[in-house]
Amino acid sequence: ASDESMFEYLNVVSKMFESEAEGYEFYKKYALEKGFSVRKSYVEWDGSNKYIILRKIVCSRQG
């Protein structure tokens, strides 16, 4: 992979958002630009089960 594509990859996968909805919208738009779709996958909650601390958004064809 080129340095440019690696930079883009790292910039996209390491983003942090104020809300789950904001992140999901960003990745839906990004995926559409790249020619695929996404879906929500794994979720990790904080100790009190009130706040999502990690949400994986994956290619919709991911197994």
N, C-alpha and C. Protein backbone atom coordinates (compact mmCIF):
# COMPACT_ATOMS: atom_id res chain seq x y z
N ALA A 1 0.84 -1.19 0.00
CA ALA A 1 0.00 0.00 0.00
C ALA A 1 0.88 1.25 0.00
N SER A 2 0.39 2.26 -0.67
CA SER A 2 1.15 3.51 -0.72
C SER A 2 1.06 4.24 0.62
N ASP A 3 1.97 5.16 0.84
CA ASP A 3 1.93 5.96 2.06
C ASP A 3 0.62 6.73 2.16
N GLU A 4 0.14 7.22 1.01
CA GLU A 4 -1.10 7.99 0.99
C GLU A 4 -2.30 7.13 1.40
N SER A 5 -2.39 5.91 0.87
CA SER A 5 -3.51 5.04 1.22
C SER A 5 -3.42 4.58 2.67
N MET A 6 -2.21 4.38 3.17
CA MET A 6 -2.04 4.01 4.57
C MET A 6 -2.46 5.16 5.48
N PHE A 7 -2.11 6.38 5.12
CA PHE A 7 -2.51 7.55 5.89
C PHE A 7 -4.03 7.67 5.92
N GLU A 8 -4.68 7.48 4.75
CA GLU A 8 -6.14 7.55 4.70
C GLU A 8 -6.75 6.48 5.60
N TYR A 9 -6.24 5.26 5.51
CA TYR A 9 -6.75 4.15 6.33
C TYR A 9 -6.66 4.49 7.81
N LEU A 10 -5.49 4.91 8.25
CA LEU A 10 -5.31 5.23 9.67
C LEU A 10 -6.19 6.39 10.11
N ASN A 11 -6.35 7.37 9.24
CA ASN A 11 -7.19 8.51 9.55
C ASN A 11 -8.66 8.11 9.70
N VAL A 12 -9.11 7.17 8.88
CA VAL A 12 -10.51 6.75 8.91
C VAL A 12 -10.79 5.82 10.08
N VAL A 13 -9.96 4.82 10.31
CA VAL A 13 -10.26 3.82 11.34
C VAL A 13 -10.02 4.32 12.76
N SER A 14 -9.28 5.39 12.93
CA SER A 14 -8.99 5.86 14.29
C SER A 14 -9.84 7.05 14.72
N LYS A 15 -10.85 7.38 13.93
CA LYS A 15 -11.70 8.52 14.27
C LYS A 15 -12.48 8.26 15.55
N MET A 16 -12.74 9.34 16.28
CA MET A 16 -13.59 9.28 17.47
C MET A 16 -14.73 10.28 17.26
N PHE A 17 -15.91 9.94 17.78
CA PHE A 17 -17.10 10.75 17.57
C PHE A 17 -17.79 11.04 18.89
N GLU A 18 -18.60 12.08 18.90
CA GLU A 18 -19.36 12.46 20.09
C GLU A 18 -20.50 11.49 20.37
N SER A 19 -21.01 10.85 19.32
CA SER A 19 -22.13 9.92 19.49
C SER A 19 -22.00 8.75 18.53
N GLU A 20 -22.69 7.68 18.85
CA GLU A 20 -22.70 6.52 17.96
C GLU A 20 -23.32 6.90 16.62
N ALA A 21 -24.40 7.67 16.66
CA ALA A 21 -25.09 8.07 15.43
C ALA A 21 -24.17 8.88 14.52
N GLU A 22 -23.39 9.79 15.09
CA GLU A 22 -22.47 10.61 14.31
C GLU A 22 -21.42 9.72 13.61
N GLY A 23 -20.89 8.77 14.33
CA GLY A 23 -19.91 7.85 13.75
C GLY A 23 -20.50 6.98 12.67
N TYR A 24 -21.68 6.46 12.91
CA TYR A 24 -22.33 5.59 11.93
C TYR A 24 -22.61 6.36 10.64
N GLU A 25 -23.09 7.59 10.76
CA GLU A 25 -23.35 8.40 9.57
C GLU A 25 -22.07 8.67 8.79
N PHE A 26 -20.98 8.97 9.49
CA PHE A 26 -19.70 9.20 8.81
C PHE A 26 -19.30 7.96 8.01
N TYR A 27 -19.34 6.79 8.63
CA TYR A 27 -18.88 5.58 7.96
C TYR A 27 -19.83 5.14 6.85
N LYS A 28 -21.13 5.41 6.99
CA LYS A 28 -22.06 5.11 5.89
C LYS A 28 -21.71 5.95 4.67
N LYS A 29 -21.44 7.24 4.88
CA LYS A 29 -21.08 8.12 3.76
C LYS A 29 -19.74 7.71 3.16
N TYR A 30 -18.76 7.41 4.01
CA TYR A 30 -17.44 6.99 3.53
C TYR A 30 -17.57 5.71 2.69
N ALA A 31 -18.32 4.75 3.20
CA ALA A 31 -18.49 3.48 2.49
C ALA A 31 -19.16 3.70 1.13
N LEU A 32 -20.18 4.54 1.10
CA LEU A 32 -20.87 4.82 -0.15
C LEU A 32 -19.91 5.40 -1.19
N GLU A 33 -19.04 6.31 -0.75
CA GLU A 33 -18.03 6.89 -1.65
C GLU A 33 -17.08 5.83 -2.19
N LYS A 34 -16.81 4.80 -1.39
CA LYS A 34 -15.86 3.75 -1.77
C LYS A 34 -16.53 2.56 -2.45
N GLY A 35 -17.87 2.56 -2.51
CA GLY A 35 -18.58 1.52 -3.25
C GLY A 35 -19.03 0.31 -2.45
N PHE A 36 -19.22 0.46 -1.16
CA PHE A 36 -19.74 -0.64 -0.35
C PHE A 36 -20.65 -0.08 0.73
N SER A 37 -21.27 -0.95 1.49
CA SER A 37 -22.15 -0.51 2.58
C SER A 37 -21.64 -1.10 3.90
N VAL A 38 -22.12 -0.54 5.00
CA VAL A 38 -21.67 -0.96 6.32
C VAL A 38 -22.86 -1.33 7.20
N ARG A 39 -22.53 -2.00 8.29
CA ARG A 39 -23.53 -2.32 9.31
C ARG A 39 -22.86 -2.26 10.67
N LYS A 40 -23.68 -2.14 11.71
CA LYS A 40 -23.16 -2.12 13.07
C LYS A 40 -22.85 -3.54 13.51
N SER A 41 -21.75 -3.71 14.22
CA SER A 41 -21.33 -5.01 14.71
C SER A 41 -21.12 -4.93 16.21
N TYR A 42 -20.01 -5.44 16.67
CA TYR A 42 -19.65 -5.53 18.09
C TYR A 42 -19.83 -4.21 18.83
N VAL A 43 -20.33 -4.30 20.06
CA VAL A 43 -20.44 -3.12 20.92
C VAL A 43 -19.85 -3.45 22.28
N GLU A 44 -19.16 -2.47 22.86
CA GLU A 44 -18.58 -2.63 24.20
C GLU A 44 -19.08 -1.47 25.05
N TRP A 45 -19.62 -1.79 26.23
CA TRP A 45 -20.18 -0.79 27.13
C TRP A 45 -19.21 -0.48 28.26
N ASP A 46 -19.41 0.66 28.88
CA ASP A 46 -18.62 1.00 30.07
C ASP A 46 -19.08 0.11 31.22
N GLY A 47 -18.44 0.22 32.36
CA GLY A 47 -18.75 -0.64 33.51
C GLY A 47 -20.17 -0.52 34.02
N SER A 48 -20.81 0.63 33.82
CA SER A 48 -22.18 0.83 34.31
C SER A 48 -23.23 0.46 33.26
N ASN A 49 -22.80 0.05 32.09
CA ASN A 49 -23.70 -0.27 30.97
C ASN A 49 -24.56 0.91 30.54
N LYS A 50 -24.04 2.12 30.74
CA LYS A 50 -24.77 3.32 30.32
C LYS A 50 -24.21 3.91 29.02
N TYR A 51 -22.92 3.72 28.80
CA TYR A 51 -22.26 4.38 27.67
C TYR A 51 -21.51 3.39 26.80
N ILE A 52 -21.65 3.56 25.51
CA ILE A 52 -20.88 2.75 24.56
C ILE A 52 -19.47 3.33 24.52
N ILE A 53 -18.48 2.47 24.71
CA ILE A 53 -17.10 2.94 24.63
C ILE A 53 -16.42 2.45 23.34
N LEU A 54 -17.02 1.45 22.69
CA LEU A 54 -16.48 0.96 21.42
C LEU A 54 -17.62 0.38 20.61
N ARG A 55 -17.69 0.76 19.35
CA ARG A 55 -18.67 0.17 18.43
C ARG A 55 -17.93 -0.14 17.14
N LYS A 56 -18.02 -1.38 16.70
CA LYS A 56 -17.40 -1.75 15.43
C LYS A 56 -18.44 -1.60 14.33
N ILE A 57 -18.04 -0.92 13.28
CA ILE A 57 -18.86 -0.77 12.09
C ILE A 57 -18.09 -1.48 10.99
N VAL A 58 -18.73 -2.46 10.38
CA VAL A 58 -18.03 -3.34 9.44
C VAL A 58 -18.71 -3.34 8.08
N CYS A 59 -18.00 -3.83 7.08
CA CYS A 59 -18.58 -4.02 5.75
C CYS A 59 -19.81 -4.91 5.90
N SER A 60 -20.87 -4.57 5.20
CA SER A 60 -22.12 -5.34 5.35
C SER A 60 -21.98 -6.79 4.91
N ARG A 61 -20.95 -7.12 4.17
CA ARG A 61 -20.73 -8.51 3.74
C ARG A 61 -19.79 -9.27 4.66
N GLN A 62 -19.29 -8.60 5.69
CA GLN A 62 -18.37 -9.25 6.63
C GLN A 62 -19.11 -10.36 7.36
N GLY A 63 -18.45 -11.53 7.52
CA GLY A 63 -19.07 -12.70 8.11
C GLY A 63 -19.18 -12.61 9.54
